[in-house]
N, C-alpha and C. Protein backbone atom coordinates (compact mmCIF):
# COMPACT_ATOMS: atom_id res chain seq x y z
N LEU A 1 9.64 -16.08 13.15
CA LEU A 1 10.89 -16.81 13.22
C LEU A 1 10.74 -18.18 12.58
N ILE A 2 9.68 -18.89 12.94
CA ILE A 2 9.47 -20.23 12.38
C ILE A 2 9.21 -20.14 10.88
N ALA A 3 8.39 -19.19 10.47
CA ALA A 3 8.09 -19.05 9.04
C ALA A 3 9.35 -18.71 8.26
N HIS A 4 10.20 -17.86 8.81
CA HIS A 4 11.43 -17.51 8.10
C HIS A 4 12.36 -18.72 7.99
N TYR A 5 12.42 -19.52 9.03
CA TYR A 5 13.24 -20.74 8.98
C TYR A 5 12.72 -21.69 7.91
N ILE A 6 11.40 -21.85 7.86
CA ILE A 6 10.81 -22.76 6.87
C ILE A 6 11.08 -22.26 5.45
N VAL A 7 10.89 -20.96 5.22
CA VAL A 7 11.16 -20.41 3.88
C VAL A 7 12.60 -20.65 3.49
N ALA A 8 13.53 -20.36 4.38
CA ALA A 8 14.95 -20.51 4.06
C ALA A 8 15.32 -21.97 3.84
N SER A 9 14.78 -22.86 4.65
CA SER A 9 15.17 -24.27 4.53
C SER A 9 14.53 -24.94 3.33
N GLU A 10 13.33 -24.49 2.93
CA GLU A 10 12.65 -25.12 1.81
C GLU A 10 12.92 -24.44 0.47
N ARG A 11 13.14 -23.14 0.49
CA ARG A 11 13.29 -22.40 -0.77
C ARG A 11 14.63 -21.71 -0.93
N GLY A 12 15.42 -21.64 0.11
CA GLY A 12 16.74 -21.04 0.01
C GLY A 12 16.81 -19.63 0.57
N ILE A 13 18.04 -19.16 0.68
CA ILE A 13 18.30 -17.84 1.27
C ILE A 13 17.74 -16.71 0.42
N GLU A 14 17.80 -16.83 -0.89
CA GLU A 14 17.26 -15.76 -1.74
C GLU A 14 15.76 -15.58 -1.53
N ALA A 15 15.05 -16.67 -1.37
CA ALA A 15 13.61 -16.58 -1.08
C ALA A 15 13.38 -15.94 0.28
N LEU A 16 14.23 -16.27 1.24
CA LEU A 16 14.12 -15.65 2.56
C LEU A 16 14.37 -14.15 2.46
N ARG A 17 15.37 -13.76 1.71
CA ARG A 17 15.67 -12.33 1.55
C ARG A 17 14.51 -11.60 0.89
N ALA A 18 13.88 -12.22 -0.10
CA ALA A 18 12.71 -11.61 -0.74
C ALA A 18 11.56 -11.50 0.25
N THR A 19 11.38 -12.51 1.09
CA THR A 19 10.34 -12.48 2.12
C THR A 19 10.59 -11.36 3.12
N ILE A 20 11.85 -11.16 3.47
CA ILE A 20 12.20 -10.09 4.41
C ILE A 20 11.88 -8.73 3.82
N VAL A 21 12.25 -8.52 2.56
CA VAL A 21 11.96 -7.24 1.90
C VAL A 21 10.45 -7.02 1.84
N PHE A 22 9.70 -8.05 1.47
CA PHE A 22 8.24 -7.93 1.43
C PHE A 22 7.69 -7.56 2.80
N GLY A 23 8.24 -8.17 3.85
CA GLY A 23 7.80 -7.86 5.21
C GLY A 23 8.08 -6.42 5.60
N MET A 24 9.23 -5.90 5.16
CA MET A 24 9.54 -4.50 5.47
C MET A 24 8.58 -3.57 4.75
N TRP A 25 8.23 -3.88 3.51
CA TRP A 25 7.28 -3.05 2.78
C TRP A 25 5.88 -3.14 3.38
N SER A 26 5.56 -4.26 4.03
CA SER A 26 4.22 -4.42 4.59
C SER A 26 3.96 -3.49 5.77
N ILE A 27 4.99 -2.89 6.32
CA ILE A 27 4.82 -1.93 7.41
C ILE A 27 4.17 -0.64 6.91
N ILE A 28 4.38 -0.32 5.65
CA ILE A 28 3.90 0.95 5.09
C ILE A 28 2.38 1.08 5.19
N PRO A 29 1.57 0.08 4.78
CA PRO A 29 0.11 0.25 4.93
C PRO A 29 -0.33 0.48 6.37
N TYR A 30 0.34 -0.15 7.32
CA TYR A 30 -0.02 0.07 8.72
C TYR A 30 0.28 1.50 9.13
N PHE A 31 1.41 2.04 8.68
CA PHE A 31 1.74 3.43 8.98
C PHE A 31 0.70 4.37 8.35
N VAL A 32 0.31 4.09 7.11
CA VAL A 32 -0.72 4.89 6.45
C VAL A 32 -2.03 4.82 7.24
N TYR A 33 -2.37 3.64 7.72
CA TYR A 33 -3.57 3.48 8.55
C TYR A 33 -3.50 4.36 9.79
N LEU A 34 -2.37 4.32 10.50
CA LEU A 34 -2.24 5.10 11.73
C LEU A 34 -2.29 6.60 11.46
N VAL A 35 -1.60 7.06 10.43
CA VAL A 35 -1.60 8.49 10.11
C VAL A 35 -3.00 8.93 9.71
N SER A 36 -3.66 8.15 8.85
CA SER A 36 -5.00 8.54 8.42
C SER A 36 -5.99 8.48 9.58
N LEU A 37 -5.85 7.51 10.47
CA LEU A 37 -6.74 7.45 11.63
C LEU A 37 -6.52 8.65 12.54
N TRP A 38 -5.27 9.03 12.74
CA TRP A 38 -4.97 10.21 13.55
C TRP A 38 -5.64 11.44 12.93
N TYR A 39 -5.52 11.59 11.61
CA TYR A 39 -6.12 12.74 10.93
C TYR A 39 -7.65 12.68 10.99
N PHE A 40 -8.22 11.53 10.63
CA PHE A 40 -9.67 11.41 10.55
C PHE A 40 -10.35 11.57 11.91
N THR A 41 -9.70 11.14 13.00
CA THR A 41 -10.34 11.30 14.31
C THR A 41 -10.45 12.76 14.71
N GLY A 42 -9.70 13.63 14.07
CA GLY A 42 -9.82 15.05 14.34
C GLY A 42 -10.97 15.71 13.61
N ILE A 43 -11.48 15.06 12.56
CA ILE A 43 -12.53 15.70 11.75
C ILE A 43 -13.79 14.86 11.59
N MET A 44 -13.78 13.60 12.07
CA MET A 44 -14.93 12.71 11.89
C MET A 44 -15.27 12.01 13.20
N ARG A 45 -16.47 11.43 13.23
CA ARG A 45 -16.81 10.55 14.34
C ARG A 45 -16.02 9.26 14.20
N LEU A 46 -15.83 8.57 15.31
CA LEU A 46 -14.95 7.40 15.35
C LEU A 46 -15.29 6.31 14.32
N PRO A 47 -16.55 5.90 14.19
CA PRO A 47 -16.83 4.83 13.21
C PRO A 47 -16.42 5.21 11.78
N LEU A 48 -16.69 6.45 11.39
CA LEU A 48 -16.29 6.89 10.05
C LEU A 48 -14.78 7.01 9.93
N ALA A 49 -14.14 7.48 10.99
CA ALA A 49 -12.68 7.60 10.99
C ALA A 49 -12.03 6.23 10.83
N LEU A 50 -12.55 5.24 11.56
CA LEU A 50 -12.01 3.88 11.44
C LEU A 50 -12.23 3.31 10.05
N ALA A 51 -13.42 3.51 9.51
CA ALA A 51 -13.71 3.02 8.16
C ALA A 51 -12.81 3.70 7.13
N GLY A 52 -12.63 4.99 7.26
CA GLY A 52 -11.76 5.71 6.34
C GLY A 52 -10.32 5.26 6.43
N ALA A 53 -9.86 5.03 7.65
CA ALA A 53 -8.48 4.57 7.84
C ALA A 53 -8.27 3.18 7.27
N VAL A 54 -9.27 2.31 7.44
CA VAL A 54 -9.17 0.97 6.85
C VAL A 54 -9.17 1.07 5.32
N GLY A 55 -9.96 1.98 4.79
CA GLY A 55 -9.95 2.20 3.34
C GLY A 55 -8.59 2.68 2.85
N CYS A 56 -7.98 3.57 3.59
CA CYS A 56 -6.63 4.04 3.23
C CYS A 56 -5.62 2.91 3.30
N TRP A 57 -5.75 2.08 4.33
CA TRP A 57 -4.87 0.92 4.47
C TRP A 57 -5.03 -0.02 3.27
N GLY A 58 -6.27 -0.30 2.92
CA GLY A 58 -6.54 -1.19 1.79
C GLY A 58 -6.01 -0.65 0.48
N LEU A 59 -6.21 0.62 0.24
CA LEU A 59 -5.70 1.24 -0.99
C LEU A 59 -4.18 1.19 -1.04
N CYS A 60 -3.56 1.51 0.06
CA CYS A 60 -2.10 1.48 0.13
C CYS A 60 -1.57 0.07 -0.09
N ALA A 61 -2.18 -0.91 0.56
CA ALA A 61 -1.74 -2.30 0.41
C ALA A 61 -1.93 -2.76 -1.03
N TRP A 62 -3.04 -2.41 -1.64
CA TRP A 62 -3.31 -2.79 -3.02
C TRP A 62 -2.27 -2.20 -3.96
N LEU A 63 -1.95 -0.91 -3.77
CA LEU A 63 -0.94 -0.27 -4.62
C LEU A 63 0.44 -0.90 -4.43
N LEU A 64 0.78 -1.22 -3.20
CA LEU A 64 2.07 -1.87 -2.95
C LEU A 64 2.13 -3.26 -3.57
N ILE A 65 1.03 -4.00 -3.52
CA ILE A 65 1.01 -5.33 -4.15
C ILE A 65 1.16 -5.20 -5.66
N LEU A 66 0.48 -4.23 -6.26
CA LEU A 66 0.64 -4.00 -7.69
C LEU A 66 2.09 -3.66 -8.02
N GLY A 67 2.68 -2.79 -7.23
CA GLY A 67 4.08 -2.42 -7.46
C GLY A 67 5.02 -3.59 -7.26
N TRP A 68 4.76 -4.39 -6.23
CA TRP A 68 5.61 -5.57 -5.96
C TRP A 68 5.54 -6.54 -7.15
N ASN A 69 4.33 -6.78 -7.65
CA ASN A 69 4.18 -7.70 -8.78
C ASN A 69 4.82 -7.15 -10.05
N HIS A 70 4.80 -5.85 -10.20
CA HIS A 70 5.37 -5.23 -11.40
C HIS A 70 6.89 -5.23 -11.37
N PHE A 71 7.48 -4.94 -10.22
CA PHE A 71 8.93 -4.77 -10.15
C PHE A 71 9.68 -6.01 -9.65
N HIS A 72 8.98 -6.96 -9.09
CA HIS A 72 9.69 -8.13 -8.56
C HIS A 72 9.50 -9.30 -9.45
């Protein structure tokens, strides 16, 4: 809430709207993490499952950042 107020007051409503869209897209890597962790815990030991899920999260976040920079 405070960060959104600061963005809007210092950079304007359009910057706030872009921040909101970016925030909505940021949910996707977390969802990928949860789905991959659910899958990996069925076939791997926990430490490997966690590492694999973090890797999936990182890959997804990296791809989304590349896409954001390309299209925004």
